[in-house]
Amino acid sequence: MKSSSELLKAGLYLSYMNYHATGEGVTSCISVAGSARRAEQMIRERLPDYFHVGIVTGPISEGTSEDIVRMIEWVPANARSTLVSIPGGTGEYYSEFHYNLS
């Protein structure tokens, strides 16, 4: 998809936290922002302190870690498209997913 490759050149950062709880499922939180600090802050503001240790933050760019590339795929295509079509650093995205695996 065009917006996926353009997202790699947009100068954005992604933070995520995946929490696996036996018998409760998986909770994932993802944020995208114009700075690493803001991307991480968006998650920290919404989650209890005990989740903070699991937050991973990195640039969305060529050569980024496989984990960040995998998490980018959870950002909906229309959000990716919007983030690359507006002035750099002005857009933000946040979402939480919970999957009950029982």
C-alpha atoms as a PDB file:
ATOM      1  CA  MET A   1       0.000   0.000   0.000  1.00  0.00           C
ATOM      2  CA  LYS A   2       1.279   3.434  -0.923  1.00  0.00           C
ATOM      3  CA  SER A   3       0.670   5.010   2.516  1.00  0.00           C
ATOM      4  CA  SER A   4       2.727   2.249   4.208  1.00  0.00           C
ATOM      5  CA  SER A   5       5.850   3.063   2.190  1.00  0.00           C
ATOM      6  CA  GLU A   6       5.262   6.812   2.516  1.00  0.00           C
ATOM      7  CA  LEU A   7       4.857   6.411   6.278  1.00  0.00           C
ATOM      8  CA  LEU A   8       8.473   5.203   6.424  1.00  0.00           C
ATOM      9  CA  LYS A   9       9.586   8.586   5.070  1.00  0.00           C
ATOM     10  CA  ALA A  10       7.259  10.798   7.134  1.00  0.00           C
ATOM     11  CA  GLY A  11       9.594  11.210  10.122  1.00  0.00           C
ATOM     12  CA  LEU A  12       7.133   9.731  12.626  1.00  0.00           C
ATOM     13  CA  TYR A  13       7.629   7.590  15.730  1.00  0.00           C
ATOM     14  CA  LEU A  14       5.674   4.629  17.017  1.00  0.00           C
ATOM     15  CA  SER A  15       5.247   3.443  20.598  1.00  0.00           C
ATOM     16  CA  TYR A  16       3.568   0.221  21.578  1.00  0.00           C
ATOM     17  CA  MET A  17       2.919  -1.969  24.564  1.00  0.00           C
ATOM     18  CA  ASN A  18       1.822  -5.612  24.388  1.00  0.00           C
ATOM     19  CA  TYR A  19       0.598  -7.235  27.588  1.00  0.00           C
ATOM     20  CA  HIS A  20      -0.100 -10.964  27.721  1.00  0.00           C
ATOM     21  CA  ALA A  21      -2.091 -12.180  30.728  1.00  0.00           C
ATOM     22  CA  THR A  22      -2.738 -15.872  31.277  1.00  0.00           C
ATOM     23  CA  GLY A  23      -6.471 -16.451  31.087  1.00  0.00           C
ATOM     24  CA  GLU A  24      -7.180 -12.818  30.205  1.00  0.00           C
ATOM     25  CA  GLY A  25      -5.849 -12.508  26.663  1.00  0.00           C
ATOM     26  CA  VAL A  26      -3.637  -9.890  25.056  1.00  0.00           C
ATOM     27  CA  THR A  27      -3.844  -6.118  25.256  1.00  0.00           C
ATOM     28  CA  SER A  28      -1.951  -4.002  22.706  1.00  0.00           C
ATOM     29  CA  CYS A  29      -1.659  -0.227  22.655  1.00  0.00           C
ATOM     30  CA  ILE A  30      -0.197   1.689  19.720  1.00  0.00           C
ATOM     31  CA  SER A  31       0.541   5.372  19.246  1.00  0.00           C
ATOM     32  CA  VAL A  32       2.094   7.309  16.392  1.00  0.00           C
ATOM     33  CA  ALA A  33       3.329  10.894  16.722  1.00  0.00           C
ATOM     34  CA  GLY A  34       5.867  13.376  15.379  1.00  0.00           C
ATOM     35  CA  SER A  35       8.336  12.715  18.207  1.00  0.00           C
ATOM     36  CA  ALA A  36       9.378   9.697  20.234  1.00  0.00           C
ATOM     37  CA  ARG A  37       8.561  11.588  23.421  1.00  0.00           C
ATOM     38  CA  ARG A  38       5.001  12.361  22.347  1.00  0.00           C
ATOM     39  CA  ALA A  39       4.318   8.843  21.034  1.00  0.00           C
ATOM     40  CA  GLU A  40       5.382   7.354  24.363  1.00  0.00           C
ATOM     41  CA  GLN A  41       3.576  10.025  26.377  1.00  0.00           C
ATOM     42  CA  MET A  42       0.279   9.178  24.666  1.00  0.00           C
ATOM     43  CA  ILE A  43       0.491   5.606  25.952  1.00  0.00           C
ATOM     44  CA  ARG A  44       1.747   6.571  29.427  1.00  0.00           C
ATOM     45  CA  GLU A  45      -1.194   8.956  29.901  1.00  0.00           C
ATOM     46  CA  ARG A  46      -3.715   6.189  29.233  1.00  0.00           C
ATOM     47  CA  LEU A  47      -2.210   3.190  31.000  1.00  0.00           C
ATOM     48  CA  PRO A  48      -1.515   2.363  34.651  1.00  0.00           C
ATOM     49  CA  ASP A  49       2.120   2.658  35.737  1.00  0.00           C
ATOM     50  CA  TYR A  50       2.692  -1.108  35.863  1.00  0.00           C
ATOM     51  CA  PHE A  51       2.335  -1.274  32.052  1.00  0.00           C
ATOM     52  CA  HIS A  52       4.976   1.430  31.454  1.00  0.00           C
ATOM     53  CA  VAL A  53       7.901  -0.983  31.710  1.00  0.00           C
ATOM     54  CA  GLY A  54       6.646  -2.745  28.561  1.00  0.00           C
ATOM     55  CA  ILE A  55       6.510   0.328  26.316  1.00  0.00           C
ATOM     56  CA  VAL A  56       8.734   0.185  23.226  1.00  0.00           C
ATOM     57  CA  THR A  57       9.362   3.312  21.146  1.00  0.00           C
ATOM     58  CA  GLY A  58      11.192   3.776  17.877  1.00  0.00           C
ATOM     59  CA  PRO A  59      11.276   5.632  14.585  1.00  0.00           C
ATOM     60  CA  ILE A  60       9.108   4.603  11.669  1.00  0.00           C
ATOM     61  CA  SER A  61      11.804   4.562   9.027  1.00  0.00           C
ATOM     62  CA  GLU A  62      13.724   2.407   6.600  1.00  0.00           C
ATOM     63  CA  GLY A  63      15.636  -0.210   8.549  1.00  0.00           C
ATOM     64  CA  THR A  64      13.487   0.034  11.672  1.00  0.00           C
ATOM     65  CA  SER A  65      13.100  -3.028  13.894  1.00  0.00           C
ATOM     66  CA  GLU A  66      10.922  -5.919  12.770  1.00  0.00           C
ATOM     67  CA  ASP A  67       8.705  -5.440  15.835  1.00  0.00           C
ATOM     68  CA  ILE A  68       7.938  -1.835  14.896  1.00  0.00           C
ATOM     69  CA  VAL A  69       7.263  -2.832  11.288  1.00  0.00           C
ATOM     70  CA  ARG A  70       4.844  -5.485  12.552  1.00  0.00           C
ATOM     71  CA  MET A  71       3.046  -2.985  14.795  1.00  0.00           C
ATOM     72  CA  ILE A  72       2.720  -0.469  11.922  1.00  0.00           C
ATOM     73  CA  GLU A  73       0.438  -3.006  10.243  1.00  0.00           C
ATOM     74  CA  TRP A  74      -2.051  -2.538  13.119  1.00  0.00           C
ATOM     75  CA  VAL A  75      -2.454   1.146  12.218  1.00  0.00           C
ATOM     76  CA  PRO A  76      -5.470   1.305   9.866  1.00  0.00           C
ATOM     77  CA  ALA A  77      -4.750   2.229   6.256  1.00  0.00           C
ATOM     78  CA  ASN A  78      -6.885   5.384   6.418  1.00  0.00           C
ATOM     79  CA  ALA A  79      -4.949   6.597   9.490  1.00  0.00           C
ATOM     80  CA  ARG A  80      -1.604   5.909   7.755  1.00  0.00           C
ATOM     81  CA  SER A  81      -2.826   7.772   4.689  1.00  0.00           C
ATOM     82  CA  THR A  82      -3.908  10.766   6.784  1.00  0.00           C
ATOM     83  CA  LEU A  83      -0.630  10.867   8.733  1.00  0.00           C
ATOM     84  CA  VAL A  84       1.423  11.104   5.528  1.00  0.00           C
ATOM     85  CA  SER A  85      -0.859  13.668   3.863  1.00  0.00           C
ATOM     86  CA  ILE A  86      -0.711  16.334   6.603  1.00  0.00           C
ATOM     87  CA  PRO A  87       2.272  18.516   7.580  1.00  0.00           C
ATOM     88  CA  GLY A  88       5.008  16.523   9.325  1.00  0.00           C
ATOM     89  CA  GLY A  89       4.639  16.099  13.061  1.00  0.00           C
ATOM     90  CA  THR A  90       1.109  17.500  13.236  1.00  0.00           C
ATOM     91  CA  GLY A  91      -0.868  14.277  13.372  1.00  0.00           C
ATOM     92  CA  GLU A  92      -1.233  11.648  16.054  1.00  0.00           C
ATOM     93  CA  TYR A  93      -2.834   8.225  16.265  1.00  0.00           C
ATOM     94  CA  TYR A  94      -3.670   6.051  19.277  1.00  0.00           C
ATOM     95  CA  SER A  95      -5.522   2.777  19.664  1.00  0.00           C
ATOM     96  CA  GLU A  96      -5.967  -0.101  22.079  1.00  0.00           C
ATOM     97  CA  PHE A  97      -6.856  -3.664  21.187  1.00  0.00           C
ATOM     98  CA  HIS A  98      -7.845  -6.459  23.524  1.00  0.00           C
ATOM     99  CA  TYR A  99      -8.101 -10.048  22.399  1.00  0.00           C
ATOM    100  CA  ASN A 100      -9.563 -12.675  24.678  1.00  0.00           C
ATOM    101  CA  LEU A 101      -7.769 -15.868  23.779  1.00  0.00           C
ATOM    102  CA  SER A 102      -9.865 -18.205  25.914  1.00  0.00           C
END
